[in-house]
Amino acid sequence: MSQQYDADVVVIGSGPGGYVCAIRAAQLGAKTVCIEKDAKEWGGTCLNWGCIPTKAMIASVERLEAARSAAKLGILTGEVGFDFAKIMDRKNKIVSTLRGGVEGLLKSNHVERVLGVARLAAPNTVSVTAADGSTRSITARNIVVATGSEPVIPPIPGLEGPKVWTSNEAVYAEAVPESLLLIGAGAVGLEFAYVFNGLGAKCTVVEMMDEVLPACDAEVAAELRKALTRQGIAFHLSSKVTAVNSSGDKLLVSVETPKGEQKAEVDVVLVGAGRRPRVADIGLEEVGVKISRKGIEVNDRMQTSVPGIYAIGDVTGKFLLAHVASHQGVIAAENAMGHDAKMDYRAVPAPVFTEPEFSTVGMTEKEAREAGYDVVVGKFPFRPLGKAMAIAQQEGLVKVVSERKYGEILGIHIMGPHASDLIHEAVTAIKLEATVDELMTMIHAHPTLAEAILEASLDVKGEAIHKMKS
């Protein structure tokens, strides 16, 4: 007689990986349970502490900047200011609405929602401890671990206290500090530098590597840094924070730079030095799930080393991106329900929501060359585009990385207006193994920003129409 289980699929965590996984499993006929530790955490880090609140704050700053520069377009606005409390209130309402939406989606798909701290008690059993201390044991044919990640605090002397923020504190700030030093020039550091700089704070970004967004194409990332520098943000590259000390009401930060040690007196230090998988106290070791330095080890079907246990999202350490977690959740759910689905990481878009925006997919030029490809590159700036001029957003460029023999597109990198939306043409191209010739012969509407992708593709063969000859 086969064992009877309480559920077909139990998902631990309700972030963009977990709730999507639970819904997909339910769509496939599974009796599904989704466990979340806190009623105010439905939707996970992305919705409550990351992607959504930051984008709401960024949108306010974008409108503020647009109002400040409206006179250039013939629009007279008078004196422009902002109400930080209203900015944050709007952000909170968006988060609350979407959090309720996640709960509603789970309910409408007949996913049982359970509140409490989950722990693996056995390969097919999850123990849940509620806020009142009571426990519940849930047996399942399949378990999906989607516990996400947490901010990393580097071991720097003095990097502690209420004036040291992570992204968690930044999205719930009560006021705009006069000055910030941001550790790390990844997406987190750059987005918060853009926000607080736009709201009047003096922002300094310290990055250990020799360029911002070190995992991205260095040439295009450098253009973003130059644009942000023009906005007033200061950068220390190839530098690191060595100590943080109190100085009255301020923090005195020691920064080791190529030009020697420098001191910065600031109100707040914001740590954007990365995140680590949340793997502690889940019971992974006890049931035999293998964990590496990066996170839970999984194959391309999102299976762990223990049959019936899957892991998705940041906890796997693959790509710490919400949309990757969601896709992994679909893959895990389908495999848990007897399908044969695999992850494909070749065409993962990675946007940065500064203004101008930055977005990338596929290989950088350096990665392509190191992989042994005979690389050919095409580039085209937004500046000469009619649409870019019309909307007064001309900064940036598109860079196409391809290989010479067949013209296959290996990567596309965009810095400029609406880059996070434009990148999806590139994602489609790489997903379908398209060539430069196919992009070159694809009709792009005029006047649009997407014409920059067409012209950059033409430039791979030296045939860009609207590029001046040198």
Protein backbone atom coordinates (compact mmCIF):
# COMPACT_ATOMS: atom_id res chain seq x y z
CA MET A 1 0.00 0.00 0.00
CA SER A 2 1.48 3.33 -1.05
CA GLN A 3 2.10 6.02 1.55
CA GLN A 4 -0.54 8.71 1.94
CA TYR A 5 0.69 12.31 2.03
CA ASP A 6 -0.91 15.52 3.26
CA ALA A 7 0.11 17.29 0.05
CA ASP A 8 1.65 16.64 -3.34
CA VAL A 9 3.85 19.74 -3.17
CA VAL A 10 4.89 21.84 -0.19
CA VAL A 11 6.70 25.10 -0.98
CA ILE A 12 8.76 26.76 1.75
CA GLY A 13 8.74 30.49 1.01
CA SER A 14 6.33 32.75 -0.88
CA GLY A 15 8.74 34.95 -2.84
CA PRO A 16 8.68 35.27 -6.63
CA GLY A 17 9.98 31.71 -6.86
CA GLY A 18 7.83 30.16 -4.16
CA TYR A 19 4.38 31.54 -4.93
CA VAL A 20 4.82 31.00 -8.68
CA CYS A 21 5.94 27.42 -8.03
CA ALA A 22 2.92 26.79 -5.80
CA ILE A 23 0.49 28.18 -8.38
CA ARG A 24 2.05 26.21 -11.25
CA ALA A 25 1.90 23.00 -9.20
CA ALA A 26 -1.76 23.68 -8.43
CA GLN A 27 -2.47 24.28 -12.13
CA LEU A 28 -1.06 20.82 -12.79
CA GLY A 29 -3.46 19.25 -10.30
CA ALA A 30 -1.29 19.14 -7.20
CA LYS A 31 -2.63 19.50 -3.69
CA THR A 32 -0.30 22.35 -2.76
CA VAL A 33 0.79 24.09 0.43
CA CYS A 34 2.79 27.33 0.54
CA ILE A 35 4.47 28.23 3.84
CA GLU A 36 5.45 31.79 4.78
CA LYS A 37 7.03 32.77 8.08
CA ASP A 38 5.27 36.13 8.45
CA ALA A 39 1.90 37.46 7.31
CA LYS A 40 3.66 40.66 6.20
CA GLU A 41 6.11 38.72 4.01
CA TRP A 42 3.84 37.24 1.33
CA GLY A 43 5.67 37.91 -1.94
CA GLY A 44 9.09 37.60 -0.31
CA THR A 45 12.06 39.93 -0.38
CA CYS A 46 11.44 41.18 -3.91
CA LEU A 47 7.97 42.46 -3.19
CA ASN A 48 8.44 43.68 0.38
CA TRP A 49 12.08 44.79 0.58
CA GLY A 50 13.62 44.82 -2.88
CA CYS A 51 12.37 45.05 -6.46
CA ILE A 52 8.98 46.65 -5.89
CA PRO A 53 9.64 49.26 -3.17
CA THR A 54 12.84 50.42 -4.86
CA LYS A 55 11.11 50.81 -8.22
CA ALA A 56 8.33 52.83 -6.59
CA MET A 57 10.93 55.14 -5.04
CA ILE A 58 12.83 55.36 -8.33
CA ALA A 59 9.62 56.31 -10.16
CA SER A 60 9.12 59.26 -7.79
CA VAL A 61 12.68 60.46 -8.36
CA GLU A 62 12.28 60.09 -12.14
CA ARG A 63 9.17 62.30 -12.02
CA LEU A 64 11.01 64.81 -9.84
CA GLU A 65 13.89 64.98 -12.31
CA ALA A 66 11.46 65.28 -15.21
CA ALA A 67 9.72 68.19 -13.50
CA ARG A 68 13.04 69.90 -12.81
CA SER A 69 14.01 69.68 -16.47
CA ALA A 70 10.55 70.31 -17.92
CA ALA A 71 11.46 73.85 -18.99
CA LYS A 72 13.77 72.36 -21.63
CA LEU A 73 10.66 70.95 -23.29
CA GLY A 74 8.73 74.19 -22.99
CA ILE A 75 6.79 73.17 -19.88
CA LEU A 76 6.68 75.70 -17.05
CA THR A 77 6.17 74.10 -13.65
CA GLY A 78 7.32 76.73 -11.18
CA GLU A 79 9.28 75.70 -8.13
CA VAL A 80 9.51 71.91 -7.77
CA GLY A 81 9.94 69.99 -4.51
CA PHE A 82 8.99 66.69 -2.93
CA ASP A 83 7.27 65.24 0.13
CA PHE A 84 9.33 62.24 1.26
CA ALA A 85 6.59 60.96 3.55
CA LYS A 86 4.16 60.84 0.62
CA ILE A 87 6.76 59.13 -1.56
CA MET A 88 7.15 56.41 1.06
CA ASP A 89 3.41 56.20 1.70
CA ARG A 90 2.79 55.60 -2.00
CA LYS A 91 5.51 52.93 -1.98
CA ASN A 92 3.93 51.24 1.04
CA LYS A 93 0.50 51.17 -0.61
CA ILE A 94 1.93 49.54 -3.74
CA VAL A 95 3.69 46.89 -1.65
CA SER A 96 0.56 46.25 0.42
CA THR A 97 -1.60 45.94 -2.70
CA LEU A 98 0.74 43.49 -4.36
CA ARG A 99 1.18 41.50 -1.14
CA GLY A 100 -2.58 41.08 -1.00
CA GLY A 101 -2.49 40.12 -4.66
CA VAL A 102 -0.08 37.26 -3.98
CA GLU A 103 -2.34 35.94 -1.24
CA GLY A 104 -5.35 36.29 -3.53
CA LEU A 105 -3.64 34.41 -6.35
CA LEU A 106 -2.70 31.55 -4.04
CA LYS A 107 -6.22 31.38 -2.65
CA SER A 108 -7.85 31.46 -6.09
CA ASN A 109 -5.65 28.56 -7.17
CA HIS A 110 -6.66 26.59 -4.05
CA VAL A 111 -3.17 26.65 -2.58
CA GLU A 112 -3.27 26.21 1.20
CA ARG A 113 -1.44 29.09 2.89
CA VAL A 114 0.34 28.30 6.14
CA LEU A 115 2.01 30.85 8.42
CA GLY A 116 5.04 29.79 10.44
CA VAL A 117 8.72 28.92 10.37
CA ALA A 118 9.31 25.77 8.31
CA ARG A 119 11.99 23.18 8.81
CA LEU A 120 12.71 19.89 7.05
CA ALA A 121 12.04 17.13 9.58
CA ALA A 122 12.55 14.29 7.09
CA PRO A 123 12.90 13.94 3.29
CA ASN A 124 9.10 14.02 2.97
CA THR A 125 8.11 15.96 6.07
CA VAL A 126 8.04 19.66 6.95
CA SER A 127 7.59 20.88 10.51
CA VAL A 128 5.99 24.33 10.87
CA THR A 129 6.23 26.39 14.05
CA ALA A 130 3.60 29.12 14.33
CA ALA A 131 4.04 32.47 16.08
CA ASP A 132 2.25 31.14 19.17
CA GLY A 133 4.75 28.28 19.46
CA SER A 134 2.43 25.55 18.23
CA THR A 135 3.80 23.10 15.66
CA ARG A 136 2.33 21.27 12.73
CA SER A 137 3.80 18.45 10.69
CA ILE A 138 3.03 18.30 6.95
CA THR A 139 3.98 15.32 4.81
CA ALA A 140 4.50 15.78 1.07
CA ARG A 141 5.49 13.83 -2.01
CA ASN A 142 7.65 16.77 -3.02
CA ILE A 143 9.15 19.71 -1.12
CA VAL A 144 10.43 22.90 -2.74
CA VAL A 145 12.84 25.08 -0.76
CA ALA A 146 12.45 28.74 -1.73
CA THR A 147 13.84 30.54 1.31
CA GLY A 148 15.61 33.30 -0.63
CA SER A 149 18.63 35.29 0.49
CA GLU A 150 19.76 37.93 2.98
CA PRO A 151 22.11 40.92 2.74
CA VAL A 152 25.83 40.34 3.30
CA ILE A 153 27.56 42.62 5.81
CA PRO A 154 31.32 42.64 5.07
CA PRO A 155 33.65 42.11 8.07
CA ILE A 156 34.67 45.77 8.30
CA PRO A 157 35.48 47.21 11.73
CA GLY A 158 32.68 49.48 12.93
CA LEU A 159 30.19 48.48 10.24
CA GLU A 160 27.24 48.23 12.62
CA GLY A 161 24.58 50.29 14.32
CA PRO A 162 21.49 52.26 13.25
CA LYS A 163 23.41 54.46 10.81
CA VAL A 164 24.52 51.40 8.82
CA TRP A 165 21.77 50.39 6.41
CA THR A 166 21.13 47.50 4.08
CA SER A 167 18.48 47.71 1.39
CA ASN A 168 15.96 46.66 4.07
CA GLU A 169 16.46 49.87 6.04
CA ALA A 170 16.78 52.04 2.93
CA VAL A 171 13.32 51.18 1.60
CA TYR A 172 11.78 52.07 4.95
CA ALA A 173 13.84 55.20 5.67
CA GLU A 174 12.00 57.89 7.60
CA ALA A 175 13.98 60.78 6.11
CA VAL A 176 16.55 61.52 3.43
CA PRO A 177 20.04 61.67 4.96
CA GLU A 178 22.26 64.58 3.97
CA SER A 179 25.02 62.21 2.89
CA LEU A 180 25.51 58.51 2.17
CA LEU A 181 28.43 56.29 1.39
CA LEU A 182 27.35 53.19 -0.50
CA ILE A 183 29.47 50.03 -0.39
CA GLY A 184 29.19 48.18 -3.69
CA ALA A 185 28.41 49.39 -7.21
CA GLY A 186 26.10 46.58 -8.21
CA ALA A 187 22.41 47.08 -8.95
CA VAL A 188 21.56 47.72 -5.28
CA GLY A 189 24.26 50.35 -4.74
CA LEU A 190 23.61 52.18 -7.99
CA GLU A 191 19.82 52.24 -7.67
CA PHE A 192 19.90 53.64 -4.14
CA ALA A 193 22.61 56.13 -5.12
CA TYR A 194 20.32 57.33 -7.91
CA VAL A 195 17.33 57.63 -5.55
CA PHE A 196 18.99 59.46 -2.69
CA ASN A 197 21.13 61.64 -4.96
CA GLY A 198 17.95 62.71 -6.76
CA LEU A 199 16.41 63.60 -3.40
CA GLY A 200 19.33 65.84 -2.52
CA ALA A 201 21.72 63.60 -0.58
CA LYS A 202 25.45 63.69 -1.31
CA CYS A 203 26.22 60.14 -2.47
CA THR A 204 29.59 58.39 -2.73
CA VAL A 205 29.88 54.85 -4.09
CA VAL A 206 32.85 52.61 -3.23
CA GLU A 207 33.53 49.59 -5.44
CA MET A 208 36.35 47.04 -5.07
CA MET A 209 36.48 46.21 -8.78
CA ASP A 210 37.72 48.56 -11.49
CA GLU A 211 34.27 49.36 -12.90
CA VAL A 212 30.66 49.59 -11.74
CA LEU A 213 28.42 46.57 -12.38
CA PRO A 214 31.52 44.33 -12.46
CA ALA A 215 29.63 41.32 -13.83
CA CYS A 216 28.45 43.31 -16.87
CA ASP A 217 30.08 44.59 -20.05
CA ALA A 218 32.72 47.04 -18.82
CA GLU A 219 32.45 49.43 -21.79
CA VAL A 220 28.70 49.91 -21.41
CA ALA A 221 28.90 49.98 -17.59
CA ALA A 222 31.46 52.79 -17.85
CA GLU A 223 28.94 54.85 -19.82
CA LEU A 224 26.40 54.43 -17.02
CA ARG A 225 28.97 55.50 -14.44
CA LYS A 226 29.74 58.63 -16.46
CA ALA A 227 26.02 59.46 -16.67
CA LEU A 228 25.57 59.02 -12.91
CA THR A 229 28.69 61.08 -12.25
CA ARG A 230 27.17 63.93 -14.26
CA GLN A 231 24.18 63.71 -11.94
CA GLY A 232 26.46 64.34 -8.97
CA ILE A 233 27.26 60.85 -7.66
CA ALA A 234 30.94 60.31 -6.73
CA PHE A 235 32.70 57.00 -7.35
CA HIS A 236 35.80 55.35 -5.86
CA LEU A 237 36.70 52.37 -8.04
CA SER A 238 39.35 49.73 -7.22
CA SER A 239 38.76 50.83 -3.64
CA LYS A 240 37.49 49.37 -0.39
CA VAL A 241 36.14 50.55 2.93
CA THR A 242 38.56 49.56 5.70
CA ALA A 243 36.90 51.03 8.79
CA VAL A 244 33.87 52.92 10.04
CA ASN A 245 34.07 55.09 13.17
CA SER A 246 31.66 57.38 14.97
CA SER A 247 32.35 61.10 14.62
CA GLY A 248 29.76 62.96 16.66
CA ASP A 249 26.46 62.53 14.83
CA LYS A 250 28.29 61.34 11.73
CA LEU A 251 30.20 58.26 10.59
CA LEU A 252 33.84 58.64 9.61
CA VAL A 253 34.60 56.13 6.86
CA SER A 254 38.14 55.14 5.87
CA VAL A 255 38.47 54.24 2.19
CA GLU A 256 41.54 52.65 0.66
CA THR A 257 41.85 53.99 -2.91
CA PRO A 258 44.50 53.78 -5.65
CA LYS A 259 45.50 57.31 -4.57
CA GLY A 260 45.90 56.34 -0.93
CA GLU A 261 43.57 56.38 2.07
CA GLN A 262 40.72 58.88 2.04
CA LYS A 263 38.25 59.81 4.75
CA ALA A 264 34.54 60.48 4.23
CA GLU A 265 32.24 61.89 6.91
CA VAL A 266 28.67 60.80 6.19
CA ASP A 267 25.29 60.39 7.86
CA VAL A 268 24.64 56.85 6.66
CA VAL A 269 26.60 53.93 5.22
CA LEU A 270 24.46 51.79 2.92
CA VAL A 271 25.77 48.27 2.35
CA GLY A 272 25.04 46.89 -1.12
CA ALA A 273 27.82 44.28 -1.14
CA GLY A 274 25.67 41.36 -2.25
CA ARG A 275 23.41 38.74 -0.73
CA ARG A 276 23.87 35.19 0.52
CA PRO A 277 21.49 32.23 0.35
CA ARG A 278 19.32 31.72 3.43
CA VAL A 279 20.16 28.10 4.25
CA ALA A 280 20.60 28.11 8.04
CA ASP A 281 18.18 26.32 10.38
CA ILE A 282 16.07 24.78 7.62
CA GLY A 283 17.15 21.20 8.34
CA LEU A 284 18.95 20.79 5.03
CA GLU A 285 22.02 19.03 6.45
CA GLU A 286 19.93 16.68 8.59
CA VAL A 287 18.05 15.29 5.59
CA GLY A 288 21.18 15.14 3.40
CA VAL A 289 20.67 18.07 1.02
CA LYS A 290 24.07 19.11 -0.36
CA ILE A 291 25.07 22.74 0.11
CA SER A 292 28.02 24.50 -1.50
CA ARG A 293 29.51 27.90 -0.74
CA LYS A 294 27.09 29.41 -3.27
CA GLY A 295 23.94 27.76 -1.92
CA ILE A 296 21.87 24.61 -2.32
CA GLU A 297 23.23 22.45 -5.13
CA VAL A 298 20.65 21.74 -7.84
CA ASN A 299 20.63 20.31 -11.35
CA ASP A 300 18.92 21.84 -14.36
CA ARG A 301 15.61 20.31 -13.20
CA MET A 302 15.98 22.13 -9.85
CA GLN A 303 16.38 18.82 -8.03
CA THR A 304 18.65 18.67 -5.00
CA SER A 305 20.74 15.69 -3.92
CA VAL A 306 17.70 14.25 -2.11
CA PRO A 307 14.91 12.78 -4.28
CA GLY A 308 11.67 14.70 -3.92
CA ILE A 309 13.34 17.85 -2.60
CA TYR A 310 13.78 20.78 -4.96
CA ALA A 311 15.31 24.24 -4.47
CA ILE A 312 14.66 27.44 -6.40
CA GLY A 313 15.55 31.12 -6.39
CA ASP A 314 18.28 32.94 -4.49
CA VAL A 315 18.83 29.99 -2.16
CA THR A 316 20.44 28.13 -5.09
CA GLY A 317 22.95 30.94 -5.71
CA LYS A 318 22.47 30.73 -9.49
CA PHE A 319 21.12 34.14 -10.51
CA LEU A 320 19.83 36.33 -7.70
CA LEU A 321 17.03 37.73 -9.85
CA ALA A 322 13.30 37.54 -9.17
CA HIS A 323 12.40 36.54 -12.71
CA VAL A 324 14.91 33.68 -12.65
CA ALA A 325 13.40 32.46 -9.38
CA SER A 326 9.92 32.51 -10.95
CA HIS A 327 11.09 30.50 -13.93
CA GLN A 328 12.90 28.03 -11.70
CA GLY A 329 9.67 27.70 -9.73
CA VAL A 330 7.78 26.68 -12.86
CA ILE A 331 10.49 24.15 -13.75
CA ALA A 332 10.46 22.65 -10.25
CA ALA A 333 6.66 22.40 -10.17
CA GLU A 334 6.50 20.71 -13.55
CA ASN A 335 9.15 18.16 -12.63
CA ALA A 336 7.52 17.51 -9.27
CA MET A 337 4.33 16.68 -11.16
CA GLY A 338 5.99 14.20 -13.49
CA HIS A 339 6.96 16.41 -16.44
CA ASP A 340 10.48 16.74 -17.85
CA ALA A 341 11.45 20.41 -17.77
CA LYS A 342 14.92 21.96 -17.73
CA MET A 343 16.32 25.40 -16.95
CA ASP A 344 18.10 27.31 -19.71
CA TYR A 345 20.22 30.21 -18.45
CA ARG A 346 21.52 31.41 -21.82
CA ALA A 347 19.06 34.28 -22.17
CA VAL A 348 18.62 35.84 -18.73
CA PRO A 349 17.93 39.60 -18.79
CA ALA A 350 19.49 41.61 -15.96
CA PRO A 351 18.16 45.18 -15.65
CA VAL A 352 19.36 48.04 -13.44
CA PHE A 353 16.72 50.71 -12.84
CA THR A 354 18.81 53.83 -12.58
CA GLU A 355 18.09 56.69 -14.95
CA PRO A 356 19.39 56.11 -17.56
CA GLU A 357 18.58 52.44 -17.25
CA PHE A 358 21.03 49.60 -17.90
CA SER A 359 20.17 46.12 -19.09
CA THR A 360 22.13 43.14 -20.32
CA VAL A 361 21.62 39.63 -21.64
CA GLY A 362 24.08 36.96 -22.77
CA MET A 363 27.85 37.18 -22.87
CA THR A 364 29.93 40.30 -22.41
CA GLU A 365 32.58 41.01 -25.02
CA LYS A 366 35.26 39.82 -22.58
CA GLU A 367 33.40 36.59 -21.77
CA ALA A 368 32.88 35.83 -25.47
CA ARG A 369 36.57 36.29 -26.25
CA GLU A 370 37.60 34.19 -23.24
CA ALA A 371 35.23 31.46 -24.46
CA GLY A 372 37.19 31.31 -27.71
CA TYR A 373 34.79 33.03 -30.08
CA ASP A 374 36.00 35.16 -32.99
CA VAL A 375 34.12 38.18 -31.71
CA VAL A 376 32.66 41.02 -33.76
CA VAL A 377 31.04 43.98 -32.03
CA GLY A 378 28.56 46.61 -33.20
CA LYS A 379 27.60 49.77 -31.29
CA PHE A 380 25.15 52.59 -31.74
CA PRO A 381 24.40 55.57 -29.48
CA PHE A 382 20.90 56.83 -28.66
CA ARG A 383 21.97 60.43 -29.26
CA PRO A 384 21.13 60.68 -33.01
CA LEU A 385 17.77 58.88 -32.76
CA GLY A 386 14.74 61.03 -33.48
CA LYS A 387 12.72 59.38 -30.67
CA ALA A 388 15.54 59.93 -28.15
CA MET A 389 15.68 63.60 -29.11
CA ALA A 390 11.89 63.93 -28.93
CA ILE A 391 11.72 62.58 -25.37
CA ALA A 392 14.94 64.39 -24.35
CA GLN A 393 16.68 61.17 -23.30
CA GLN A 394 19.74 60.80 -25.50
CA GLU A 395 22.34 59.30 -23.16
CA GLY A 396 23.59 55.78 -23.72
CA LEU A 397 24.16 53.15 -26.36
CA VAL A 398 23.42 49.63 -27.54
CA LYS A 399 26.27 47.13 -27.93
CA VAL A 400 25.84 43.88 -29.86
CA VAL A 401 28.36 41.07 -29.31
CA SER A 402 28.37 38.40 -32.02
CA GLU A 403 30.64 35.73 -33.49
CA ARG A 404 32.11 36.18 -36.94
CA LYS A 405 31.50 32.85 -38.71
CA TYR A 406 27.71 32.55 -38.49
CA GLY A 407 26.82 35.93 -37.02
CA GLU A 408 25.14 34.36 -33.97
CA ILE A 409 24.27 36.94 -31.33
CA LEU A 410 26.11 36.16 -28.10
CA GLY A 411 25.12 39.16 -26.01
CA ILE A 412 23.42 42.55 -26.16
CA HIS A 413 24.04 45.32 -23.65
CA ILE A 414 22.00 48.51 -23.38
CA MET A 415 22.50 51.69 -21.39
CA GLY A 416 19.85 54.27 -22.07
CA PRO A 417 16.14 55.13 -21.93
CA HIS A 418 13.80 52.18 -21.31
CA ALA A 419 16.68 49.68 -21.45
CA SER A 420 14.79 47.29 -19.17
CA ASP A 421 12.03 47.02 -21.78
CA LEU A 422 14.20 47.13 -24.91
CA ILE A 423 16.33 44.21 -23.69
CA HIS A 424 13.54 41.74 -24.41
CA GLU A 425 14.12 41.96 -28.15
CA ALA A 426 17.65 40.83 -27.33
CA VAL A 427 16.41 38.07 -25.02
CA THR A 428 14.22 36.72 -27.81
CA ALA A 429 17.10 36.87 -30.28
CA ILE A 430 19.45 34.89 -28.02
CA LYS A 431 16.74 32.42 -26.96
CA LEU A 432 16.02 31.65 -30.63
CA GLU A 433 19.75 31.61 -31.55
CA ALA A 434 19.19 34.46 -33.97
CA THR A 435 21.94 35.96 -36.09
CA VAL A 436 22.95 39.53 -36.73
CA ASP A 437 21.56 39.19 -40.27
CA GLU A 438 18.11 38.43 -38.86
CA LEU A 439 18.13 41.54 -36.66
CA MET A 440 19.52 43.61 -39.54
CA THR A 441 16.67 42.60 -41.83
CA MET A 442 13.93 42.94 -39.21
CA ILE A 443 11.82 46.04 -39.75
CA HIS A 444 11.93 48.33 -36.71
CA ALA A 445 9.25 51.01 -36.33
CA HIS A 446 10.28 54.65 -36.67
CA PRO A 447 10.67 56.72 -34.62
CA THR A 448 11.46 54.35 -31.73
CA LEU A 449 14.28 53.67 -29.32
CA ALA A 450 14.49 50.10 -30.65
CA GLU A 451 16.08 51.49 -33.82
CA ALA A 452 19.31 51.62 -31.80
CA ILE A 453 19.30 47.80 -31.70
CA LEU A 454 18.84 47.71 -35.48
CA GLU A 455 21.67 50.17 -36.06
CA ALA A 456 24.01 48.39 -33.61
CA SER A 457 23.32 45.13 -35.45
CA LEU A 458 24.07 46.83 -38.79
CA ASP A 459 27.25 48.23 -37.25
CA VAL A 460 28.56 44.70 -36.62
CA LYS A 461 29.13 44.58 -40.40
CA GLY A 462 30.00 48.26 -40.70
CA GLU A 463 26.66 49.02 -42.36
CA ALA A 464 24.96 51.32 -39.81
CA ILE A 465 22.96 53.87 -41.77
CA HIS A 466 22.83 56.67 -39.23
CA LYS A 467 26.38 56.46 -37.90
CA MET A 468 28.88 59.05 -39.04
CA LYS A 469 32.01 57.66 -40.70
CA SER A 470 35.23 58.42 -38.87
